[in-house]
């Protein structure tokens, strides 16, 4: 299974590219920062140099400036992130158990 096929890939994969390119203040990069430990444990190579501190709060503040429905959108983003992480862990369970 390709990473592109996992639910939430449309947010997570651009976030990985953003971090690799030094962009730490995008929705995708905030999501990566929130789940960096979990994603690394599942086998993804996470660039840690530019991870946002307090990524949950930073993401929410970012959304508040961009959208009127920040709370609803924030929760939807976290649900997509969890879906991606869960699917990734199921696709490579040996790495998730290490």
C-alpha atoms as a PDB file:
ATOM      1  CA  UNK A   1       0.000   0.000   0.000  1.00  0.00           C
ATOM      2  CA  UNK A   2       1.258   3.455  -0.930  1.00  0.00           C
ATOM      3  CA  UNK A   3       1.277   6.310   1.569  1.00  0.00           C
ATOM      4  CA  UNK A   4      -0.846   8.227  -0.942  1.00  0.00           C
ATOM      5  CA  UNK A   5      -3.625   5.673  -0.397  1.00  0.00           C
ATOM      6  CA  UNK A   6      -3.913   6.269   3.348  1.00  0.00           C
ATOM      7  CA  UNK A   7      -6.723   8.451   4.697  1.00  0.00           C
ATOM      8  CA  UNK A   8      -5.390  11.908   5.483  1.00  0.00           C
ATOM      9  CA  UNK A   9      -2.460  11.618   3.075  1.00  0.00           C
ATOM     10  CA  UNK A  10      -3.621  14.810   1.369  1.00  0.00           C
ATOM     11  CA  UNK A  11      -2.640  16.674   4.564  1.00  0.00           C
ATOM     12  CA  UNK A  12       0.240  14.635   5.946  1.00  0.00           C
ATOM     13  CA  UNK A  13       2.384  14.147   2.834  1.00  0.00           C
ATOM     14  CA  UNK A  14       2.449  17.865   1.930  1.00  0.00           C
ATOM     15  CA  UNK A  15       3.295  18.536   5.584  1.00  0.00           C
ATOM     16  CA  UNK A  16       6.313  16.238   5.302  1.00  0.00           C
ATOM     17  CA  UNK A  17       7.423  18.075   2.168  1.00  0.00           C
ATOM     18  CA  UNK A  18       6.924  21.406   3.904  1.00  0.00           C
ATOM     19  CA  UNK A  19       9.131  20.352   6.818  1.00  0.00           C
ATOM     20  CA  UNK A  20      11.801  19.008   4.463  1.00  0.00           C
ATOM     21  CA  UNK A  21      11.789  22.404   2.749  1.00  0.00           C
ATOM     22  CA  UNK A  22      12.022  24.346   6.017  1.00  0.00           C
ATOM     23  CA  UNK A  23       8.358  25.408   6.125  1.00  0.00           C
ATOM     24  CA  UNK A  24       7.213  24.880   9.697  1.00  0.00           C
ATOM     25  CA  UNK A  25       4.055  27.018   9.690  1.00  0.00           C
ATOM     26  CA  UNK A  26       1.626  25.131   7.477  1.00  0.00           C
ATOM     27  CA  UNK A  27      -1.345  23.038   8.489  1.00  0.00           C
ATOM     28  CA  UNK A  28       0.408  19.872   7.346  1.00  0.00           C
ATOM     29  CA  UNK A  29       3.628  20.643   9.201  1.00  0.00           C
ATOM     30  CA  UNK A  30       1.686  21.369  12.404  1.00  0.00           C
ATOM     31  CA  UNK A  31      -0.069  18.015  12.070  1.00  0.00           C
ATOM     32  CA  UNK A  32       3.279  16.260  11.596  1.00  0.00           C
ATOM     33  CA  UNK A  33       4.601  17.983  14.721  1.00  0.00           C
ATOM     34  CA  UNK A  34       1.550  16.851  16.715  1.00  0.00           C
ATOM     35  CA  UNK A  35       2.101  13.191  15.777  1.00  0.00           C
ATOM     36  CA  UNK A  36       5.859  13.131  15.160  1.00  0.00           C
ATOM     37  CA  UNK A  37       6.560  10.418  17.730  1.00  0.00           C
ATOM     38  CA  UNK A  38       3.735   8.216  16.512  1.00  0.00           C
ATOM     39  CA  UNK A  39       4.649   8.691  12.841  1.00  0.00           C
ATOM     40  CA  UNK A  40       8.324   7.958  13.528  1.00  0.00           C
ATOM     41  CA  UNK A  41       7.422   4.810  15.452  1.00  0.00           C
ATOM     42  CA  UNK A  42       5.402   3.667  12.428  1.00  0.00           C
ATOM     43  CA  UNK A  43       8.430   4.065  10.176  1.00  0.00           C
ATOM     44  CA  UNK A  44       8.249   7.546   8.673  1.00  0.00           C
ATOM     45  CA  UNK A  45      11.390   9.643   8.585  1.00  0.00           C
ATOM     46  CA  UNK A  46      10.304  12.888  10.243  1.00  0.00           C
ATOM     47  CA  UNK A  47      12.548  15.950   9.883  1.00  0.00           C
ATOM     48  CA  UNK A  48      12.669  17.269  13.443  1.00  0.00           C
ATOM     49  CA  UNK A  49      14.673  20.458  12.909  1.00  0.00           C
ATOM     50  CA  UNK A  50      11.663  22.675  12.204  1.00  0.00           C
ATOM     51  CA  UNK A  51       8.895  21.129  14.305  1.00  0.00           C
ATOM     52  CA  UNK A  52       6.681  23.763  15.901  1.00  0.00           C
ATOM     53  CA  UNK A  53       6.743  23.935  19.681  1.00  0.00           C
ATOM     54  CA  UNK A  54       3.296  23.368  21.218  1.00  0.00           C
ATOM     55  CA  UNK A  55       1.925  22.309  17.828  1.00  0.00           C
ATOM     56  CA  UNK A  56      -1.671  21.799  18.989  1.00  0.00           C
ATOM     57  CA  UNK A  57      -1.941  25.352  20.296  1.00  0.00           C
ATOM     58  CA  UNK A  58      -0.024  26.778  17.349  1.00  0.00           C
ATOM     59  CA  UNK A  59      -2.296  25.009  14.861  1.00  0.00           C
ATOM     60  CA  UNK A  60      -5.428  26.200  16.626  1.00  0.00           C
ATOM     61  CA  UNK A  61      -4.180  29.797  16.743  1.00  0.00           C
ATOM     62  CA  UNK A  62      -3.299  29.603  13.048  1.00  0.00           C
ATOM     63  CA  UNK A  63      -6.790  28.336  12.210  1.00  0.00           C
ATOM     64  CA  UNK A  64      -8.444  31.033  14.321  1.00  0.00           C
ATOM     65  CA  UNK A  65      -6.782  33.667  12.161  1.00  0.00           C
ATOM     66  CA  UNK A  66      -7.859  31.969   8.923  1.00  0.00           C
ATOM     67  CA  UNK A  67     -11.362  30.599   9.572  1.00  0.00           C
ATOM     68  CA  UNK A  68     -14.529  31.325  11.502  1.00  0.00           C
ATOM     69  CA  UNK A  69     -15.060  27.610  12.149  1.00  0.00           C
ATOM     70  CA  UNK A  70     -11.604  27.048  13.662  1.00  0.00           C
ATOM     71  CA  UNK A  71     -12.782  24.682  16.402  1.00  0.00           C
ATOM     72  CA  UNK A  72     -14.717  22.413  14.047  1.00  0.00           C
ATOM     73  CA  UNK A  73     -11.944  22.408  11.450  1.00  0.00           C
ATOM     74  CA  UNK A  74      -9.273  21.772  14.107  1.00  0.00           C
ATOM     75  CA  UNK A  75     -11.129  18.683  15.328  1.00  0.00           C
ATOM     76  CA  UNK A  76     -11.617  17.450  11.756  1.00  0.00           C
ATOM     77  CA  UNK A  77      -7.896  17.842  11.075  1.00  0.00           C
ATOM     78  CA  UNK A  78      -7.006  15.868  14.200  1.00  0.00           C
ATOM     79  CA  UNK A  79      -9.424  13.127  13.135  1.00  0.00           C
ATOM     80  CA  UNK A  80      -7.739  12.936   9.694  1.00  0.00           C
ATOM     81  CA  UNK A  81      -4.334  12.821  11.386  1.00  0.00           C
ATOM     82  CA  UNK A  82      -5.468   9.980  13.633  1.00  0.00           C
ATOM     83  CA  UNK A  83      -6.871   8.109  10.620  1.00  0.00           C
ATOM     84  CA  UNK A  84      -3.556   8.437   8.798  1.00  0.00           C
ATOM     85  CA  UNK A  85      -1.561   7.288  11.827  1.00  0.00           C
ATOM     86  CA  UNK A  86      -3.841   4.321  12.469  1.00  0.00           C
ATOM     87  CA  UNK A  87      -3.766   3.213   8.834  1.00  0.00           C
ATOM     88  CA  UNK A  88       0.019   3.586   8.719  1.00  0.00           C
ATOM     89  CA  UNK A  89       0.398   1.534  11.895  1.00  0.00           C
ATOM     90  CA  UNK A  90      -1.864  -1.181  10.493  1.00  0.00           C
ATOM     91  CA  UNK A  91       0.063  -1.283   7.214  1.00  0.00           C
ATOM     92  CA  UNK A  92       3.375  -1.899   8.995  1.00  0.00           C
ATOM     93  CA  UNK A  93       2.544  -3.363  12.429  1.00  0.00           C
ATOM     94  CA  UNK A  94       6.038  -4.719  13.037  1.00  0.00           C
ATOM     95  CA  UNK A  95       7.512  -1.211  13.083  1.00  0.00           C
ATOM     96  CA  UNK A  96       4.732   0.110  15.323  1.00  0.00           C
ATOM     97  CA  UNK A  97       5.564  -2.551  17.930  1.00  0.00           C
ATOM     98  CA  UNK A  98       9.322  -1.946  18.014  1.00  0.00           C
END
